[in-house]
Protein backbone atom coordinates (compact mmCIF):
# COMPACT_ATOMS: atom_id res chain seq x y z
CA MET A 1 -0.03 -0.08 0.09
CA THR A 2 1.72 3.16 -1.20
CA ILE A 3 1.83 6.46 0.85
CA LEU A 4 -0.53 8.15 -1.60
CA PHE A 5 -3.02 5.21 -1.18
CA ARG A 6 -2.93 5.53 2.61
CA TYR A 7 -3.22 9.35 2.42
CA LEU A 8 -6.31 9.25 0.21
CA LEU A 9 -8.00 6.49 2.15
CA ARG A 10 -7.45 8.21 5.51
CA GLU A 11 -8.76 11.58 4.21
CA TYR A 12 -11.82 9.80 2.64
CA ALA A 13 -12.48 7.69 5.81
CA LYS A 14 -12.43 10.88 7.97
CA ILE A 15 -14.96 12.75 5.69
CA PHE A 16 -17.10 9.64 5.54
CA ALA A 17 -17.25 9.33 9.14
CA MET A 18 -18.23 12.95 9.43
CA CYS A 19 -20.99 12.46 6.77
CA PHE A 20 -22.26 9.29 8.28
CA ALA A 21 -22.36 10.63 11.83
CA SER A 22 -24.18 13.85 10.50
CA LEU A 23 -26.78 11.77 8.52
CA MET A 24 -27.43 9.42 11.44
CA THR A 25 -27.92 12.21 13.92
CA LEU A 26 -30.35 14.07 11.58
CA TYR A 27 -32.19 10.86 10.98
CA LEU A 28 -32.52 9.95 14.82
CA VAL A 29 -33.52 13.49 15.68
CA ILE A 30 -36.33 13.46 13.08
CA ASP A 31 -37.37 9.93 14.15
CA PHE A 32 -37.27 10.80 17.71
CA PHE A 33 -39.52 13.84 17.50
CA GLU A 34 -42.05 11.79 15.31
CA LYS A 35 -42.34 9.30 18.10
CA ILE A 36 -41.76 11.18 21.26
CA ARG A 37 -45.33 12.27 21.87
CA ARG A 38 -46.72 8.70 21.58
CA PHE A 39 -43.91 7.45 23.90
CA LEU A 40 -44.80 10.26 26.46
CA ARG A 41 -48.38 9.42 26.31
CA LEU A 42 -47.62 5.83 27.13
CA ASP A 43 -45.52 6.87 29.95
CA ALA A 44 -42.40 4.93 28.70
CA GLU A 45 -39.18 4.60 30.44
CA VAL A 46 -36.18 6.68 29.12
CA ALA A 47 -33.97 3.54 29.15
CA ASP A 48 -36.55 1.65 27.00
CA VAL A 49 -36.84 4.49 24.58
CA LEU A 50 -33.05 4.81 24.28
CA PHE A 51 -32.74 0.95 23.86
CA PHE A 52 -35.45 1.13 21.07
CA PHE A 53 -33.48 3.75 19.19
CA LEU A 54 -30.32 1.98 19.65
CA LEU A 55 -31.75 -1.08 18.08
CA ARG A 56 -32.98 1.02 15.07
CA MET A 57 -29.43 2.21 14.35
CA PRO A 58 -28.38 -0.80 12.14
CA GLY A 59 -31.43 -0.42 9.88
CA ILE A 60 -30.87 3.37 9.71
CA SER A 61 -27.22 2.71 8.85
CA PHE A 62 -28.18 0.52 5.95
CA GLN A 63 -30.25 3.30 4.50
CA ILE A 64 -27.91 6.16 4.87
CA ALA A 65 -24.54 4.65 4.12
CA PRO A 66 -24.78 4.74 0.37
CA LEU A 67 -25.62 8.49 0.74
CA ALA A 68 -22.82 9.07 3.10
CA VAL A 69 -20.44 7.30 0.58
CA LEU A 70 -21.55 9.57 -2.16
CA MET A 71 -21.34 12.66 -0.12
CA ALA A 72 -17.87 11.89 1.28
CA THR A 73 -16.69 11.17 -2.37
CA LEU A 74 -17.88 14.43 -3.61
CA LEU A 75 -16.55 16.42 -0.58
CA THR A 76 -13.17 14.62 -0.48
CA LEU A 77 -12.45 15.05 -4.30
CA GLY A 78 -13.75 18.61 -3.99
CA MET A 79 -11.44 19.41 -1.28
CA LEU A 80 -8.46 17.75 -3.18
CA SER A 81 -9.47 19.68 -6.30
CA ARG A 82 -9.63 23.00 -4.41
CA ASN A 83 -6.19 22.55 -2.90
CA ARG A 84 -4.83 21.72 -6.40
CA GLU A 85 -3.75 18.28 -5.19
CA ILE A 86 -5.45 16.47 -8.01
CA THR A 87 -3.58 18.68 -10.57
CA ALA A 88 -0.31 17.85 -8.72
CA MET A 89 -1.07 14.11 -8.86
CA ARG A 90 -1.89 14.27 -12.57
CA SER A 91 1.26 16.20 -13.31
CA CYS A 92 3.24 13.47 -11.61
CA GLY A 93 1.66 10.88 -14.01
CA ILE A 94 -0.65 9.36 -11.65
CA SER A 95 -3.44 7.63 -13.37
CA LEU A 96 -7.20 7.89 -12.86
CA PHE A 97 -7.40 4.44 -11.74
CA THR A 98 -4.69 4.97 -9.11
CA LEU A 99 -6.57 7.99 -7.91
CA ALA A 100 -9.84 6.22 -7.62
CA GLY A 101 -8.43 3.19 -6.04
CA PRO A 102 -8.73 4.06 -2.46
CA PHE A 103 -12.33 5.32 -2.91
CA LEU A 104 -13.32 2.09 -4.68
CA VAL A 105 -11.71 -0.12 -2.00
CA PHE A 106 -13.61 1.71 0.60
CA GLY A 107 -16.82 1.37 -1.27
CA VAL A 108 -16.46 -2.31 -1.68
CA ALA A 109 -15.65 -2.69 2.04
CA VAL A 110 -18.73 -0.80 2.96
CA ALA A 111 -20.89 -2.84 0.39
CA ILE A 112 -19.58 -6.14 2.08
CA ILE A 113 -20.46 -4.81 5.63
CA LEU A 114 -23.94 -3.71 4.53
CA LEU A 115 -24.64 -6.97 2.88
CA ALA A 116 -23.63 -8.79 6.16
CA PHE A 117 -25.69 -6.43 8.16
CA SER A 118 -28.69 -6.93 5.81
CA SER A 119 -28.37 -10.70 6.03
CA THR A 120 -28.45 -11.12 9.64
CA VAL A 121 -27.85 -8.10 12.08
CA ILE A 122 -30.71 -5.76 10.71
CA PRO A 123 -33.51 -8.26 10.82
CA LEU A 124 -32.60 -9.37 14.29
CA ALA A 125 -32.28 -5.75 15.32
CA ASN A 126 -35.67 -4.77 13.68
CA GLY A 127 -37.37 -7.76 15.38
CA LYS A 128 -36.00 -6.92 18.81
CA ALA A 129 -36.81 -3.37 18.41
CA ASP A 130 -40.41 -4.22 17.58
CA GLU A 131 -40.42 -6.56 20.67
CA VAL A 132 -39.09 -3.59 22.85
CA ARG A 133 -41.77 -1.20 21.53
CA LEU A 134 -44.60 -3.67 21.95
CA THR A 135 -43.68 -5.18 25.40
CA ARG A 136 -41.73 -2.42 27.20
CA ILE A 137 -42.98 0.98 25.68
CA GLU A 138 -46.60 -0.03 24.72
CA LYS A 139 -46.67 -2.47 27.64
CA LYS A 140 -48.56 -5.08 25.72
CA PRO A 141 -48.45 -8.89 27.03
CA PRO A 142 -45.18 -10.61 25.67
CA GLN A 143 -47.10 -13.80 24.99
CA ALA A 144 -49.82 -12.14 23.15
CA ALA A 145 -51.22 -14.29 20.22
CA LEU A 146 -50.43 -13.05 16.83
CA ARG A 147 -52.84 -13.67 13.93
CA THR A 148 -51.26 -15.41 11.00
CA PRO A 149 -51.49 -13.58 7.79
CA HIS A 150 -51.15 -16.89 5.75
CA PRO A 151 -52.92 -19.46 8.00
CA TRP A 152 -53.20 -22.17 5.29
CA THR A 153 -50.49 -24.69 4.77
CA ARG A 154 -50.18 -28.23 3.22
CA ILE A 155 -48.74 -30.73 5.65
CA GLY A 156 -49.24 -33.91 3.50
CA PRO A 157 -50.17 -34.97 -0.16
CA ARG A 158 -53.94 -34.54 0.53
CA THR A 159 -53.93 -32.78 4.01
CA LEU A 160 -54.45 -29.05 4.59
CA MET A 161 -54.01 -27.18 7.90
CA ASN A 162 -55.63 -24.05 9.02
CA VAL A 163 -54.40 -22.11 11.94
CA GLN A 164 -56.11 -18.99 13.41
CA SER A 165 -53.37 -17.65 15.61
CA VAL A 166 -50.02 -18.46 16.90
CA ASP A 167 -48.50 -17.67 20.26
CA ALA A 168 -45.22 -15.92 20.31
CA GLY A 169 -42.50 -18.51 20.09
CA GLY A 170 -44.51 -20.74 17.93
CA GLU A 171 -45.16 -23.52 20.45
CA THR A 172 -48.85 -23.11 20.71
CA LEU A 173 -51.26 -22.93 17.78
CA ARG A 174 -54.79 -21.83 18.42
CA GLY A 175 -57.98 -22.55 16.33
CA VAL A 176 -56.41 -25.58 14.43
CA ARG A 177 -58.29 -27.25 11.70
CA LEU A 178 -57.15 -30.19 9.60
CA PHE A 179 -58.73 -31.16 6.37
CA HIS A 180 -58.12 -34.42 4.57
CA LEU A 181 -59.19 -35.19 0.86
CA ASP A 182 -59.59 -38.45 -0.78
CA GLU A 183 -58.19 -39.58 -4.06
CA ASP A 184 -61.15 -37.75 -5.88
CA SER A 185 -60.40 -34.53 -4.00
CA ARG A 186 -63.44 -34.82 -1.82
CA LEU A 187 -63.40 -34.11 1.80
CA ASP A 188 -62.72 -37.30 3.83
CA TRP A 189 -62.43 -36.01 7.31
CA MET A 190 -62.06 -32.77 9.26
CA THR A 191 -60.48 -32.37 12.65
CA GLU A 192 -60.80 -29.26 14.83
CA ALA A 193 -59.04 -28.37 18.02
CA GLN A 194 -58.92 -25.56 20.37
CA GLN A 195 -55.09 -25.46 20.25
CA ALA A 196 -51.98 -27.65 19.37
CA GLN A 197 -49.00 -27.60 21.55
CA HIS A 198 -45.35 -28.74 20.70
CA VAL A 199 -44.17 -30.80 23.75
CA ASP A 200 -41.10 -33.12 23.71
CA GLY A 201 -40.63 -32.83 20.00
CA HIS A 202 -44.31 -33.76 19.13
CA TRP A 203 -47.51 -32.02 18.35
CA THR A 204 -50.60 -32.63 20.29
CA LEU A 205 -54.04 -31.50 19.70
CA ARG A 206 -56.20 -30.52 22.83
CA ASP A 207 -60.00 -30.21 23.30
CA GLY A 208 -60.99 -31.30 19.72
CA MET A 209 -63.29 -33.22 17.68
CA GLN A 210 -63.09 -35.10 14.43
CA ARG A 211 -65.81 -35.23 11.68
CA LEU A 212 -65.69 -38.39 9.39
CA PHE A 213 -67.68 -37.96 6.22
CA LEU A 214 -69.07 -41.43 5.25
CA ALA A 215 -70.05 -42.58 1.78
CA ASP A 216 -73.61 -42.68 2.57
CA GLY A 217 -73.63 -38.95 3.40
CA THR A 218 -73.64 -39.27 7.13
CA VAL A 219 -71.14 -37.68 9.48
CA GLN A 220 -69.49 -39.46 12.34
CA LEU A 221 -68.47 -37.01 15.19
CA THR A 222 -65.86 -37.99 17.63
CA THR A 223 -64.49 -35.81 20.50
CA PHE A 224 -61.14 -36.04 22.15
CA PRO A 225 -59.36 -34.40 25.01
CA GLU A 226 -55.88 -34.84 23.48
CA ARG A 227 -54.54 -36.41 20.24
CA ARG A 228 -51.04 -36.73 18.89
CA ILE A 229 -50.45 -35.70 15.23
CA ASP A 230 -47.66 -36.36 12.92
CA LEU A 231 -46.45 -32.98 11.82
CA SER A 232 -43.03 -32.31 10.46
CA LEU A 233 -43.31 -28.52 11.07
CA ILE A 234 -41.37 -27.13 14.14
CA PRO A 235 -42.27 -23.97 16.12
CA ASP A 236 -39.56 -22.05 14.41
CA ASP A 237 -41.47 -22.66 11.21
CA PHE A 238 -44.24 -20.81 12.57
CA THR A 239 -42.48 -17.95 13.95
CA THR A 240 -40.78 -17.39 10.53
CA TRP A 241 -44.29 -17.32 9.01
CA LEU A 242 -45.22 -14.58 11.28
CA SER A 243 -42.40 -12.35 10.11
CA VAL A 244 -44.21 -11.41 6.81
CA GLU A 245 -42.38 -8.08 6.74
CA SER A 246 -39.22 -9.05 4.80
CA ASP A 247 -37.05 -6.64 6.84
CA MET A 248 -37.47 -8.74 9.77
CA MET A 249 -36.36 -11.90 8.15
CA THR A 250 -32.76 -12.90 7.45
CA PHE A 251 -31.78 -14.04 3.92
CA ARG A 252 -32.14 -17.73 4.95
CA GLU A 253 -35.67 -17.19 6.49
CA LEU A 254 -36.70 -15.10 3.52
CA ARG A 255 -35.63 -17.89 1.01
CA ALA A 256 -37.34 -20.46 3.17
CA TYR A 257 -40.48 -18.35 3.05
CA VAL A 258 -40.33 -18.01 -0.68
CA GLN A 259 -40.11 -21.63 -1.02
CA ARG A 260 -42.93 -22.22 1.28
CA LEU A 261 -45.16 -19.98 -0.71
CA ARG A 262 -44.26 -21.61 -4.05
CA TYR A 263 -44.93 -25.13 -2.42
CA GLU A 264 -48.47 -23.94 -1.50
CA GLY A 265 -48.95 -22.48 -4.95
CA ALA A 266 -49.06 -18.92 -3.70
CA SER A 267 -47.38 -15.93 -5.30
CA ALA A 268 -44.01 -15.29 -3.97
CA THR A 269 -43.23 -12.29 -6.26
CA ARG A 270 -43.20 -9.72 -3.58
CA TYR A 271 -40.77 -11.55 -1.33
CA GLN A 272 -38.43 -12.39 -4.20
CA THR A 273 -38.39 -8.70 -5.11
CA ASP A 274 -37.53 -7.77 -1.68
CA TYR A 275 -34.90 -10.42 -1.46
CA TYR A 276 -33.20 -9.21 -4.73
CA GLY A 277 -33.55 -5.64 -3.66
CA ARG A 278 -31.81 -6.31 -0.38
CA VAL A 279 -29.09 -8.06 -2.02
CA ALA A 280 -28.51 -5.41 -4.59
CA PHE A 281 -28.72 -2.19 -2.39
CA PRO A 282 -25.46 -2.58 -0.52
CA PHE A 283 -23.47 -2.61 -3.97
CA VAL A 284 -24.89 0.86 -4.68
CA THR A 285 -22.04 2.16 -2.54
CA VAL A 286 -19.55 1.05 -5.10
CA ILE A 287 -21.64 2.65 -7.99
CA MET A 288 -21.97 5.96 -5.81
CA VAL A 289 -18.24 6.12 -5.68
CA LEU A 290 -18.00 5.94 -9.46
CA VAL A 291 -20.65 8.64 -9.93
CA GLY A 292 -18.99 10.77 -7.31
CA ILE A 293 -15.59 10.54 -8.92
CA ALA A 294 -16.86 11.35 -12.28
CA MET A 295 -18.88 14.33 -11.09
CA SER A 296 -16.11 15.65 -9.07
CA LEU A 297 -13.45 15.26 -11.65
CA GLN A 298 -15.63 16.92 -14.32
CA GLY A 299 -15.94 20.15 -12.30
CA ARG A 300 -12.24 20.11 -10.65
CA ASP A 301 -11.50 23.34 -12.46
CA ARG A 302 -14.59 25.36 -11.64
CA ARG A 303 -14.54 27.51 -8.67
CA GLY A 304 -17.24 27.11 -6.06
CA SER A 305 -17.12 23.44 -6.00
CA GLY A 306 -17.09 23.29 -2.37
CA MET A 307 -18.89 21.64 0.58
CA ALA A 308 -22.27 23.14 -0.07
CA ILE A 309 -22.48 22.10 -3.71
CA GLY A 310 -21.13 18.76 -2.84
CA ILE A 311 -23.80 18.14 -0.21
CA GLY A 312 -26.43 19.51 -2.59
CA GLN A 313 -25.41 17.18 -5.32
CA ALA A 314 -25.28 14.22 -3.07
CA MET A 315 -28.84 14.91 -1.82
CA VAL A 316 -30.05 15.19 -5.32
CA LEU A 317 -28.48 12.06 -6.56
CA GLY A 318 -29.56 10.18 -3.33
CA PHE A 319 -33.12 11.23 -3.68
CA CYS A 320 -33.06 10.14 -7.46
CA TYR A 321 -31.69 6.69 -6.61
CA TRP A 322 -34.20 6.23 -3.79
CA ALA A 323 -36.98 7.20 -6.22
CA VAL A 324 -35.90 4.94 -8.88
CA HIS A 325 -35.30 2.05 -6.54
CA SER A 326 -38.59 2.44 -4.90
CA VAL A 327 -40.47 2.51 -8.29
CA ASN A 328 -38.64 -0.59 -9.53
CA ILE A 329 -39.35 -2.50 -6.31
CA ALA A 330 -43.09 -1.57 -6.61
CA LEU A 331 -43.08 -2.67 -10.15
CA GLY A 332 -41.41 -5.98 -9.13
CA ARG A 333 -43.91 -6.65 -6.41
CA SER A 334 -46.74 -6.14 -8.72
CA GLY A 335 -45.25 -8.40 -11.28
CA VAL A 336 -44.52 -5.84 -14.01
CA PHE A 337 -40.77 -6.62 -13.80
CA HIS A 338 -39.05 -9.85 -12.86
CA PRO A 339 -38.13 -9.84 -9.28
CA LEU A 340 -34.31 -10.04 -10.15
CA LEU A 341 -34.52 -7.20 -12.68
CA ALA A 342 -36.57 -5.10 -10.28
CA GLY A 343 -34.03 -5.59 -7.44
CA TRP A 344 -30.99 -4.61 -9.77
CA MET A 345 -32.60 -2.17 -12.14
CA ALA A 346 -31.74 0.99 -10.13
CA ASN A 347 -28.13 -0.16 -9.71
CA LEU A 348 -27.75 -0.94 -13.36
CA MET A 349 -29.14 2.57 -14.37
CA PHE A 350 -26.93 4.49 -11.98
CA LEU A 351 -23.85 2.37 -13.09
CA ALA A 352 -24.61 3.31 -16.66
CA LEU A 353 -24.84 7.00 -15.58
CA GLY A 354 -21.43 6.65 -13.74
CA GLY A 355 -19.97 5.03 -16.83
CA TYR A 356 -21.17 7.54 -19.12
CA LEU A 357 -19.66 10.40 -16.95
CA LEU A 358 -16.50 8.69 -16.60
CA LEU A 359 -16.19 8.38 -20.55
CA LYS A 360 -16.74 12.08 -20.72
CA LEU A 361 -13.68 12.93 -18.63
CA ARG A 362 -10.66 14.51 -20.41
CA TYR A 363 -8.35 11.92 -19.11
């Protein structure tokens, strides 16, 4: 690593830290004042409120990091250009690739960190923040039953299960109904139970009844206090299904949820789009570095390309990216675009913009 590389990387990292801290502070202040009136009305503890915002910080970091990278790129190169350091480097025969190297390395490092955060840390933090808000701030019972958004699932070749609600933890199902179809797809028998509990690795129906539909049209009714059923699903499967908000699911859980929806014959387009969007978003940091380098070097000889203009350019470009990305994600969720294309479309468009601007440079 050369002295010049270390110097550029150090200056860039310092300005990035300043931009990131400023954006984080601004975001938290706005979010705090939006929620504080509700928290005060609920008589929330100060420690719980602080813990809630602390858990929100990983998700906020994921959103603001690309903008901070773009802003740092514009400001750093603007500062170097104002001090005539870029001109001096070019006079010494330093290539554009060498000049851009530290910025690209930093952008790739941020992209890898964001991808790792999006895969595990952010979903877990969002889930814990939601739990703190519900149980500590809003003071709701921690074991409150949660209504399932997709209560139907297939548990066998010809058996369907319907669940009305699932207790937190997934070990107790309430309002359970099992439907078994014969070879002609006619209802053969139906079992209803007040609840199903997972104990010692097995599921047990409690307070239930079974209706057997006979060939002569009569119905045979049998009640039972307890009955064990063969069910390959485990409590974690049900807790995963409750996390229908994709930002509260890890990549593994999101892929499993998509596979489950496909198995049931339901549309998984929305969650596929969210998955590809979450994978693609971290890499926009590298694209923002390219766009920032091209914009800064194009205007290096113009006076007034200072901090205010750099911040303004970053805000405009950041807003444009978010608008394009949001529109593409919406189109992907609705099925207009393929989920893979919808997730990566904004990145491809801004990569093309960065390439076009780089080609217009005079060197």
